[in-house]
């Protein structure tokens, strides 16, 4: 594939990007390098390889619930400045 200024301008237009000439000059070698890497991947023989739709095993990352002792109401309110009648007291919400 021929990678040149016109290709980058076309891709930018399709993506609705406004690139300056400086940006186009900067992206040109980067795009060439990326496409060369994909060309190398095309050379790899994958005839006997099964597709891998999920390469990383999905597992539950949540921990198991364990019953433990809770704080008493007095312990929970012991360090609170704003409390009233055994509850947290917050600002008025209108």
PDB file of N, CA and C in Angstrom:
ATOM      1  N   UNK A   1       0.836  -1.178   0.000  1.00  0.00           N
ATOM      2  CA  UNK A   1       0.000   0.000   0.000  1.00  0.00           C
ATOM      3  C   UNK A   1       0.880   1.241   0.000  1.00  0.00           C
ATOM      4  N   UNK A   2       0.562   2.155  -0.850  1.00  0.00           N
ATOM      5  CA  UNK A   2       1.319   3.408  -0.975  1.00  0.00           C
ATOM      6  C   UNK A   2       0.846   4.383   0.104  1.00  0.00           C
ATOM      7  N   UNK A   3       1.745   4.721   1.005  1.00  0.00           N
ATOM      8  CA  UNK A   3       1.423   5.671   2.064  1.00  0.00           C
ATOM      9  C   UNK A   3       2.041   7.007   1.692  1.00  0.00           C
ATOM     10  N   UNK A   4       1.185   7.981   1.444  1.00  0.00           N
ATOM     11  CA  UNK A   4       1.671   9.295   1.080  1.00  0.00           C
ATOM     12  C   UNK A   4       0.765  10.366   1.689  1.00  0.00           C
ATOM     13  N   UNK A   5       1.059  11.596   1.371  1.00  0.00           N
ATOM     14  CA  UNK A   5       0.326  12.712   1.940  1.00  0.00           C
ATOM     15  C   UNK A   5      -1.157  12.648   1.590  1.00  0.00           C
ATOM     16  N   UNK A   6      -1.465  12.233   0.360  1.00  0.00           N
ATOM     17  CA  UNK A   6      -2.855  12.161  -0.074  1.00  0.00           C
ATOM     18  C   UNK A   6      -3.646  11.134   0.746  1.00  0.00           C
ATOM     19  N   UNK A   7      -3.013  10.005   1.064  1.00  0.00           N
ATOM     20  CA  UNK A   7      -3.690   8.981   1.870  1.00  0.00           C
ATOM     21  C   UNK A   7      -4.015   9.523   3.259  1.00  0.00           C
ATOM     22  N   UNK A   8      -3.057  10.181   3.871  1.00  0.00           N
ATOM     23  CA  UNK A   8      -3.296  10.736   5.205  1.00  0.00           C
ATOM     24  C   UNK A   8      -4.374  11.809   5.154  1.00  0.00           C
ATOM     25  N   UNK A   9      -4.361  12.636   4.129  1.00  0.00           N
ATOM     26  CA  UNK A   9      -5.401  13.655   3.999  1.00  0.00           C
ATOM     27  C   UNK A   9      -6.772  13.012   3.807  1.00  0.00           C
ATOM     28  N   UNK A  10      -6.830  11.905   3.050  1.00  0.00           N
ATOM     29  CA  UNK A  10      -8.107  11.209   2.841  1.00  0.00           C
ATOM     30  C   UNK A  10      -8.611  10.599   4.151  1.00  0.00           C
ATOM     31  N   UNK A  11      -7.718   9.945   4.875  1.00  0.00           N
ATOM     32  CA  UNK A  11      -8.108   9.343   6.162  1.00  0.00           C
ATOM     33  C   UNK A  11      -8.566  10.423   7.129  1.00  0.00           C
ATOM     34  N   UNK A  12      -7.873  11.540   7.153  1.00  0.00           N
ATOM     35  CA  UNK A  12      -8.259  12.648   8.039  1.00  0.00           C
ATOM     36  C   UNK A  12      -9.620  13.192   7.646  1.00  0.00           C
ATOM     37  N   UNK A  13      -9.880  13.279   6.342  1.00  0.00           N
ATOM     38  CA  UNK A  13     -11.172  13.793   5.878  1.00  0.00           C
ATOM     39  C   UNK A  13     -12.297  12.850   6.263  1.00  0.00           C
ATOM     40  N   UNK A  14     -12.077  11.544   6.092  1.00  0.00           N
ATOM     41  CA  UNK A  14     -13.101  10.558   6.450  1.00  0.00           C
ATOM     42  C   UNK A  14     -13.368  10.587   7.954  1.00  0.00           C
ATOM     43  N   UNK A  15     -12.302  10.787   8.738  1.00  0.00           N
ATOM     44  CA  UNK A  15     -12.435  10.840  10.199  1.00  0.00           C
ATOM     45  C   UNK A  15     -12.838  12.226  10.687  1.00  0.00           C
ATOM     46  N   UNK A  16     -13.038  13.141   9.752  1.00  0.00           N
ATOM     47  CA  UNK A  16     -13.413  14.526  10.058  1.00  0.00           C
ATOM     48  C   UNK A  16     -12.401  15.200  10.981  1.00  0.00           C
ATOM     49  N   UNK A  17     -11.129  15.007  10.630  1.00  0.00           N
ATOM     50  CA  UNK A  17     -10.038  15.646  11.362  1.00  0.00           C
ATOM     51  C   UNK A  17      -9.436  16.730  10.495  1.00  0.00           C
ATOM     52  N   UNK A  18      -9.042  17.812  11.106  1.00  0.00           N
ATOM     53  CA  UNK A  18      -8.346  18.877  10.387  1.00  0.00           C
ATOM     54  C   UNK A  18      -6.890  18.826  10.807  1.00  0.00           C
ATOM     55  N   UNK A  19      -6.047  18.326   9.914  1.00  0.00           N
ATOM     56  CA  UNK A  19      -4.626  18.205  10.214  1.00  0.00           C
ATOM     57  C   UNK A  19      -3.851  19.305   9.509  1.00  0.00           C
ATOM     58  N   UNK A  20      -2.856  19.827  10.199  1.00  0.00           N
ATOM     59  CA  UNK A  20      -1.969  20.806   9.594  1.00  0.00           C
ATOM     60  C   UNK A  20      -0.899  20.074   8.791  1.00  0.00           C
ATOM     61  N   UNK A  21      -0.161  20.805   7.971  1.00  0.00           N
ATOM     62  CA  UNK A  21       0.925  20.184   7.199  1.00  0.00           C
ATOM     63  C   UNK A  21       1.984  19.595   8.120  1.00  0.00           C
ATOM     64  N   UNK A  22       2.228  20.237   9.244  1.00  0.00           N
ATOM     65  CA  UNK A  22       3.205  19.722  10.213  1.00  0.00           C
ATOM     66  C   UNK A  22       2.744  18.385  10.776  1.00  0.00           C
ATOM     67  N   UNK A  23       1.471  18.288  11.105  1.00  0.00           N
ATOM     68  CA  UNK A  23       0.941  17.029  11.631  1.00  0.00           C
ATOM     69  C   UNK A  23       0.982  15.930  10.579  1.00  0.00           C
ATOM     70  N   UNK A  24       0.681  16.270   9.338  1.00  0.00           N
ATOM     71  CA  UNK A  24       0.731  15.278   8.264  1.00  0.00           C
ATOM     72  C   UNK A  24       2.153  14.758   8.092  1.00  0.00           C
ATOM     73  N   UNK A  25       3.129  15.655   8.120  1.00  0.00           N
ATOM     74  CA  UNK A  25       4.528  15.234   7.994  1.00  0.00           C
ATOM     75  C   UNK A  25       4.943  14.354   9.163  1.00  0.00           C
ATOM     76  N   UNK A  26       4.418  14.634  10.357  1.00  0.00           N
ATOM     77  CA  UNK A  26       4.754  13.835  11.538  1.00  0.00           C
ATOM     78  C   UNK A  26       4.089  12.461  11.485  1.00  0.00           C
ATOM     79  N   UNK A  27       2.836  12.403  10.987  1.00  0.00           N
ATOM     80  CA  UNK A  27       2.098  11.141  10.962  1.00  0.00           C
ATOM     81  C   UNK A  27       2.514  10.221   9.830  1.00  0.00           C
ATOM     82  N   UNK A  28       3.100  10.750   8.763  1.00  0.00           N
ATOM     83  CA  UNK A  28       3.454   9.951   7.596  1.00  0.00           C
ATOM     84  C   UNK A  28       4.393   8.791   7.941  1.00  0.00           C
ATOM     85  N   UNK A  29       5.538   9.018   8.598  1.00  0.00           N
ATOM     86  CA  UNK A  29       6.393   7.871   8.930  1.00  0.00           C
ATOM     87  C   UNK A  29       5.756   6.936   9.962  1.00  0.00           C
ATOM     88  N   UNK A  30       4.937   7.490  10.858  1.00  0.00           N
ATOM     89  CA  UNK A  30       4.281   6.654  11.860  1.00  0.00           C
ATOM     90  C   UNK A  30       3.294   5.702  11.207  1.00  0.00           C
ATOM     91  N   UNK A  31       2.516   6.203  10.252  1.00  0.00           N
ATOM     92  CA  UNK A  31       1.545   5.363   9.562  1.00  0.00           C
ATOM     93  C   UNK A  31       2.248   4.290   8.730  1.00  0.00           C
ATOM     94  N   UNK A  32       3.353   4.666   8.083  1.00  0.00           N
ATOM     95  CA  UNK A  32       4.134   3.684   7.324  1.00  0.00           C
ATOM     96  C   UNK A  32       4.611   2.561   8.233  1.00  0.00           C
ATOM     97  N   UNK A  33       5.120   2.911   9.394  1.00  0.00           N
ATOM     98  CA  UNK A  33       5.634   1.918  10.336  1.00  0.00           C
ATOM     99  C   UNK A  33       4.521   0.972  10.814  1.00  0.00           C
ATOM    100  N   UNK A  34       3.363   1.525  11.077  1.00  0.00           N
ATOM    101  CA  UNK A  34       2.225   0.710  11.531  1.00  0.00           C
ATOM    102  C   UNK A  34       1.800  -0.254  10.443  1.00  0.00           C
ATOM    103  N   UNK A  35       1.689   0.224   9.219  1.00  0.00           N
ATOM    104  CA  UNK A  35       1.258  -0.648   8.123  1.00  0.00           C
ATOM    105  C   UNK A  35       2.298  -1.715   7.804  1.00  0.00           C
ATOM    106  N   UNK A  36       3.584  -1.401   7.967  1.00  0.00           N
ATOM    107  CA  UNK A  36       4.630  -2.413   7.776  1.00  0.00           C
ATOM    108  C   UNK A  36       4.503  -3.514   8.822  1.00  0.00           C
ATOM    109  N   UNK A  37       4.165  -3.160  10.041  1.00  0.00           N
ATOM    110  CA  UNK A  37       3.989  -4.165  11.094  1.00  0.00           C
ATOM    111  C   UNK A  37       2.821  -5.087  10.758  1.00  0.00           C
ATOM    112  N   UNK A  38       1.737  -4.541  10.223  1.00  0.00           N
ATOM    113  CA  UNK A  38       0.603  -5.374   9.844  1.00  0.00           C
ATOM    114  C   UNK A  38       0.926  -6.248   8.635  1.00  0.00           C
ATOM    115  N   UNK A  39       1.776  -5.764   7.735  1.00  0.00           N
ATOM    116  CA  UNK A  39       2.192  -6.585   6.609  1.00  0.00           C
ATOM    117  C   UNK A  39       2.968  -7.800   7.086  1.00  0.00           C
ATOM    118  N   UNK A  40       3.801  -7.646   8.117  1.00  0.00           N
ATOM    119  CA  UNK A  40       4.532  -8.776   8.686  1.00  0.00           C
ATOM    120  C   UNK A  40       3.558  -9.792   9.280  1.00  0.00           C
ATOM    121  N   UNK A  41       2.493  -9.311   9.899  1.00  0.00           N
ATOM    122  CA  UNK A  41       1.507 -10.229  10.464  1.00  0.00           C
ATOM    123  C   UNK A  41       0.795 -11.026   9.379  1.00  0.00           C
ATOM    124  N   UNK A  42       0.617 -10.446   8.197  1.00  0.00           N
ATOM    125  CA  UNK A  42      -0.035 -11.149   7.095  1.00  0.00           C
ATOM    126  C   UNK A  42       0.798 -12.340   6.626  1.00  0.00           C
ATOM    127  N   UNK A  43       2.109 -12.297   6.849  1.00  0.00           N
ATOM    128  CA  UNK A  43       2.991 -13.375   6.416  1.00  0.00           C
ATOM    129  C   UNK A  43       2.919 -14.599   7.328  1.00  0.00           C
ATOM    130  N   UNK A  44       2.388 -14.473   8.513  1.00  0.00           N
ATOM    131  CA  UNK A  44       2.333 -15.571   9.477  1.00  0.00           C
ATOM    132  C   UNK A  44       1.282 -16.585   9.035  1.00  0.00           C
ATOM    133  N   UNK A  45       1.672 -17.865   9.056  1.00  0.00           N
ATOM    134  CA  UNK A  45       0.756 -18.943   8.678  1.00  0.00           C
ATOM    135  C   UNK A  45      -0.175 -19.249   9.851  1.00  0.00           C
ATOM    136  N   UNK A  46      -1.450 -19.019   9.652  1.00  0.00           N
ATOM    137  CA  UNK A  46      -2.438 -19.253  10.708  1.00  0.00           C
ATOM    138  C   UNK A  46      -3.486 -20.274  10.282  1.00  0.00           C
ATOM    139  N   UNK A  47      -3.139 -21.165   9.348  1.00  0.00           N
ATOM    140  CA  UNK A  47      -4.112 -22.127   8.826  1.00  0.00           C
ATOM    141  C   UNK A  47      -4.646 -23.062   9.907  1.00  0.00           C
ATOM    142  N   UNK A  48      -3.787 -23.527  10.809  1.00  0.00           N
ATOM    143  CA  UNK A  48      -4.202 -24.496  11.827  1.00  0.00           C
ATOM    144  C   UNK A  48      -4.510 -23.844  13.174  1.00  0.00           C
ATOM    145  N   UNK A  49      -4.692 -22.555  13.184  1.00  0.00           N
ATOM    146  CA  UNK A  49      -4.944 -21.833  14.429  1.00  0.00           C
ATOM    147  C   UNK A  49      -6.431 -21.542  14.564  1.00  0.00           C
ATOM    148  N   UNK A  50      -6.971 -21.916  15.710  1.00  0.00           N
ATOM    149  CA  UNK A  50      -8.381 -21.631  15.971  1.00  0.00           C
ATOM    150  C   UNK A  50      -8.525 -20.175  16.397  1.00  0.00           C
ATOM    151  N   UNK A  51      -9.628 -19.532  16.020  1.00  0.00           N
ATOM    152  CA  UNK A  51      -9.826 -18.138  16.448  1.00  0.00           C
ATOM    153  C   UNK A  51      -9.996 -18.049  17.959  1.00  0.00           C
ATOM    154  N   UNK A  52      -9.460 -17.012  18.519  1.00  0.00           N
ATOM    155  CA  UNK A  52      -9.548 -16.785  19.957  1.00  0.00           C
ATOM    156  C   UNK A  52     -10.329 -15.506  20.186  1.00  0.00           C
ATOM    157  N   UNK A  53     -11.588 -15.671  20.510  1.00  0.00           N
ATOM    158  CA  UNK A  53     -12.436 -14.499  20.695  1.00  0.00           C
ATOM    159  C   UNK A  53     -12.234 -13.867  22.054  1.00  0.00           C
ATOM    160  N   UNK A  54     -11.759 -14.628  23.026  1.00  0.00           N
ATOM    161  CA  UNK A  54     -11.502 -14.115  24.363  1.00  0.00           C
ATOM    162  C   UNK A  54     -10.134 -14.636  24.801  1.00  0.00           C
ATOM    163  N   UNK A  55      -9.050 -13.927  24.480  1.00  0.00           N
ATOM    164  CA  UNK A  55      -7.727 -14.450  24.786  1.00  0.00           C
ATOM    165  C   UNK A  55      -7.402 -14.488  26.273  1.00  0.00           C
ATOM    166  N   UNK A  56      -8.077 -13.693  27.060  1.00  0.00           N
ATOM    167  CA  UNK A  56      -7.840 -13.667  28.499  1.00  0.00           C
ATOM    168  C   UNK A  56      -9.058 -14.274  29.184  1.00  0.00           C
ATOM    169  N   UNK A  57      -8.798 -15.207  30.082  1.00  0.00           N
ATOM    170  CA  UNK A  57      -9.898 -15.873  30.783  1.00  0.00           C
ATOM    171  C   UNK A  57     -10.715 -14.869  31.588  1.00  0.00           C
ATOM    172  N   UNK A  58     -12.015 -14.966  31.434  1.00  0.00           N
ATOM    173  CA  UNK A  58     -12.902 -14.101  32.208  1.00  0.00           C
ATOM    174  C   UNK A  58     -13.213 -14.807  33.520  1.00  0.00           C
ATOM    175  N   UNK A  59     -12.969 -14.113  34.605  1.00  0.00           N
ATOM    176  CA  UNK A  59     -13.291 -14.690  35.907  1.00  0.00           C
ATOM    177  C   UNK A  59     -13.828 -13.598  36.808  1.00  0.00           C
ATOM    178  N   UNK A  60     -14.554 -14.003  37.803  1.00  0.00           N
ATOM    179  CA  UNK A  60     -15.153 -13.065  38.729  1.00  0.00           C
ATOM    180  C   UNK A  60     -14.064 -12.453  39.605  1.00  0.00           C
ATOM    181  N   UNK A  61     -13.967 -11.141  39.614  1.00  0.00           N
ATOM    182  CA  UNK A  61     -12.945 -10.475  40.405  1.00  0.00           C
ATOM    183  C   UNK A  61     -13.486 -10.006  41.756  1.00  0.00           C
ATOM    184  N   UNK A  62     -14.755 -10.254  42.001  1.00  0.00           N
ATOM    185  CA  UNK A  62     -15.341  -9.848  43.269  1.00  0.00           C
ATOM    186  C   UNK A  62     -14.976 -10.869  44.348  1.00  0.00           C
ATOM    187  N   UNK A  63     -14.747 -10.391  45.535  1.00  0.00           N
ATOM    188  CA  UNK A  63     -14.419 -11.307  46.625  1.00  0.00           C
ATOM    189  C   UNK A  63     -15.701 -11.928  47.171  1.00  0.00           C
ATOM    190  N   UNK A  64     -15.541 -13.022  47.838  1.00  0.00           N
ATOM    191  CA  UNK A  64     -16.688 -13.703  48.433  1.00  0.00           C
ATOM    192  C   UNK A  64     -17.155 -12.932  49.669  1.00  0.00           C
ATOM    193  N   UNK A  65     -18.452 -12.822  49.845  1.00  0.00           N
ATOM    194  CA  UNK A  65     -18.990 -12.132  51.010  1.00  0.00           C
ATOM    195  C   UNK A  65     -18.735 -12.957  52.257  1.00  0.00           C
ATOM    196  N   UNK A  66     -18.267 -12.288  53.301  1.00  0.00           N
ATOM    197  CA  UNK A  66     -18.038 -12.952  54.582  1.00  0.00           C
ATOM    198  C   UNK A  66     -18.732 -12.133  55.655  1.00  0.00           C
ATOM    199  N   UNK A  67     -19.441 -12.795  56.514  1.00  0.00           N
ATOM    200  CA  UNK A  67     -20.151 -12.126  57.594  1.00  0.00           C
ATOM    201  C   UNK A  67     -19.161 -11.796  58.699  1.00  0.00           C
ATOM    202  N   UNK A  68     -19.127 -10.519  59.087  1.00  0.00           N
ATOM    203  CA  UNK A  68     -18.265 -10.075  60.177  1.00  0.00           C
ATOM    204  C   UNK A  68     -19.086  -9.194  61.113  1.00  0.00           C
ATOM    205  N   UNK A  69     -18.514  -8.890  62.259  1.00  0.00           N
ATOM    206  CA  UNK A  69     -19.201  -8.031  63.216  1.00  0.00           C
ATOM    207  C   UNK A  69     -19.242  -6.603  62.685  1.00  0.00           C
ATOM    208  N   UNK A  70     -20.357  -5.935  62.872  1.00  0.00           N
ATOM    209  CA  UNK A  70     -20.534  -4.555  62.437  1.00  0.00           C
ATOM    210  C   UNK A  70     -20.266  -3.609  63.599  1.00  0.00           C
ATOM    211  N   UNK A  71     -20.104  -2.340  63.260  1.00  0.00           N
ATOM    212  CA  UNK A  71     -19.969  -1.320  64.292  1.00  0.00           C
ATOM    213  C   UNK A  71     -21.323  -1.105  64.960  1.00  0.00           C
ATOM    214  N   UNK A  72     -21.266  -0.783  66.233  1.00  0.00           N
ATOM    215  CA  UNK A  72     -22.502  -0.396  66.904  1.00  0.00           C
ATOM    216  C   UNK A  72     -22.816   1.034  66.504  1.00  0.00           C
ATOM    217  N   UNK A  73     -24.024   1.479  66.811  1.00  0.00           N
ATOM    218  CA  UNK A  73     -24.414   2.841  66.464  1.00  0.00           C
ATOM    219  C   UNK A  73     -23.525   3.846  67.190  1.00  0.00           C
ATOM    220  N   UNK A  74     -23.185   3.566  68.429  1.00  0.00           N
ATOM    221  CA  UNK A  74     -22.336   4.469  69.195  1.00  0.00           C
ATOM    222  C   UNK A  74     -20.925   4.526  68.603  1.00  0.00           C
ATOM    223  N   UNK A  75     -20.382   3.375  68.163  1.00  0.00           N
ATOM    224  CA  UNK A  75     -19.049   3.360  67.566  1.00  0.00           C
ATOM    225  C   UNK A  75     -19.039   4.128  66.239  1.00  0.00           C
ATOM    226  N   UNK A  76     -20.070   3.967  65.437  1.00  0.00           N
ATOM    227  CA  UNK A  76     -20.137   4.641  64.145  1.00  0.00           C
ATOM    228  C   UNK A  76     -20.223   6.145  64.320  1.00  0.00           C
ATOM    229  N   UNK A  77     -20.900   6.605  65.337  1.00  0.00           N
ATOM    230  CA  UNK A  77     -21.079   8.042  65.561  1.00  0.00           C
ATOM    231  C   UNK A  77     -20.037   8.644  66.501  1.00  0.00           C
ATOM    232  N   UNK A  78     -19.088   7.851  66.970  1.00  0.00           N
ATOM    233  CA  UNK A  78     -18.160   8.329  67.991  1.00  0.00           C
ATOM    234  C   UNK A  78     -17.251   9.464  67.507  1.00  0.00           C
ATOM    235  N   UNK A  79     -16.889   9.520  66.247  1.00  0.00           N
ATOM    236  CA  UNK A  79     -15.978  10.553  65.745  1.00  0.00           C
ATOM    237  C   UNK A  79     -16.687  11.604  64.891  1.00  0.00           C
ATOM    238  N   UNK A  80     -18.011  11.613  64.913  1.00  0.00           N
ATOM    239  CA  UNK A  80     -18.784  12.513  64.073  1.00  0.00           C
ATOM    240  C   UNK A  80     -19.126  13.777  64.845  1.00  0.00           C
ATOM    241  N   UNK A  81     -18.919  14.939  64.217  1.00  0.00           N
ATOM    242  CA  UNK A  81     -19.273  16.211  64.852  1.00  0.00           C
ATOM    243  C   UNK A  81     -20.771  16.463  64.756  1.00  0.00           C
ATOM    244  N   UNK A  82     -21.333  16.257  63.585  1.00  0.00           N
ATOM    245  CA  UNK A  82     -22.738  16.578  63.340  1.00  0.00           C
ATOM    246  C   UNK A  82     -23.596  15.333  63.461  1.00  0.00           C
ATOM    247  N   UNK A  83     -24.230  15.191  64.611  1.00  0.00           N
ATOM    248  CA  UNK A  83     -25.138  14.068  64.823  1.00  0.00           C
ATOM    249  C   UNK A  83     -26.319  14.547  65.650  1.00  0.00           C
ATOM    250  N   UNK A  84     -27.443  13.865  65.482  1.00  0.00           N
ATOM    251  CA  UNK A  84     -28.635  14.255  66.216  1.00  0.00           C
ATOM    252  C   UNK A  84     -29.508  13.026  66.388  1.00  0.00           C
ATOM    253  N   UNK A  85     -29.904  12.754  67.609  1.00  0.00           N
ATOM    254  CA  UNK A  85     -30.803  11.651  67.942  1.00  0.00           C
ATOM    255  C   UNK A  85     -30.291  10.304  67.413  1.00  0.00           C
ATOM    256  N   UNK A  86     -28.962  10.093  67.460  1.00  0.00           N
ATOM    257  CA  UNK A  86     -28.406   8.810  67.052  1.00  0.00           C
ATOM    258  C   UNK A  86     -28.220   8.646  65.552  1.00  0.00           C
ATOM    259  N   UNK A  87     -28.279   9.729  64.776  1.00  0.00           N
ATOM    260  CA  UNK A  87     -28.112   9.671  63.314  1.00  0.00           C
ATOM    261  C   UNK A  87     -27.089  10.711  62.875  1.00  0.00           C
ATOM    262  N   UNK A  88     -26.543  10.504  61.673  1.00  0.00           N
ATOM    263  CA  UNK A  88     -25.689  11.514  61.058  1.00  0.00           C
ATOM    264  C   UNK A  88     -26.564  12.695  60.674  1.00  0.00           C
ATOM    265  N   UNK A  89     -26.063  13.897  60.903  1.00  0.00           N
ATOM    266  CA  UNK A  89     -26.820  15.084  60.529  1.00  0.00           C
ATOM    267  C   UNK A  89     -26.076  15.766  59.382  1.00  0.00           C
ATOM    268  N   UNK A  90     -26.778  15.940  58.259  1.00  0.00           N
ATOM    269  CA  UNK A  90     -26.188  16.562  57.079  1.00  0.00           C
ATOM    270  C   UNK A  90     -26.864  17.864  56.763  1.00  0.00           C
ATOM    271  N   UNK A  91     -26.382  18.555  55.733  1.00  0.00           N
ATOM    272  CA  UNK A  91     -26.993  19.837  55.357  1.00  0.00           C
ATOM    273  C   UNK A  91     -28.392  19.625  54.776  1.00  0.00           C
ATOM    274  N   UNK A  92     -29.219  20.657  54.859  1.00  0.00           N
ATOM    275  CA  UNK A  92     -30.562  20.579  54.310  1.00  0.00           C
ATOM    276  C   UNK A  92     -30.500  20.417  52.801  1.00  0.00           C
ATOM    277  N   UNK A  93     -31.368  19.580  52.303  1.00  0.00           N
ATOM    278  CA  UNK A  93     -31.488  19.417  50.844  1.00  0.00           C
ATOM    279  C   UNK A  93     -32.861  19.923  50.444  1.00  0.00           C
ATOM    280  N   UNK A  94     -32.897  20.862  49.531  1.00  0.00           N
ATOM    281  CA  UNK A  94     -34.172  21.454  49.133  1.00  0.00           C
ATOM    282  C   UNK A  94     -34.681  20.762  47.902  1.00  0.00           C
TER     283      UNK A  94
END
